[in-house]
Amino acid sequence: MSMISPTGSSPTSPSGTSGMAGGLTQNDFLSLMVAQLQNQDPLNPVSSDQFLTEMAAFTEVVDLQSVVAATEAAQSVALIGKTVTAQTSSGAVTGTVSAVDLSSGQPVLTVGSAQVPLASVTSVS
């Protein structure tokens, strides 16, 4: 039986599909669908229309996540050479963005010697 990742993680499935919001991958979704089929009431089965609706919704979420990730990456790269201010756990950081790291799935800006998530940026000049 496959394990489902805890909420909030961003696993990568064996096929390379990155995790959805909440930590679900495409494989997790299929595992849940199979479990739903195995445990349904035989006298009141789930309709095939409902499964198609669930698959379509899942596909839309994955597509939307791809668009959001591409937009965040483009926004981050556009900040290289710009001066930003960001709020971090140790206070405000202001400086010029010299690099962007996209390897974690979330853009992380290099501002001076600090590593700052894109979501922490509060102003750009």
Foldseek 3Di string as FASTA:
>chain_A
DDDQDAFPDWDADPVRFIAFHGRHGPVNVVVVVVVLQVPDDPVDHDDVVVVVVVVVVVVVRSVVLVVVLVVQVVVQVVQAQWWWWFQDPVGIAIAGFHDWDCVVVFIWTCGPPDTHTPVRTDDID
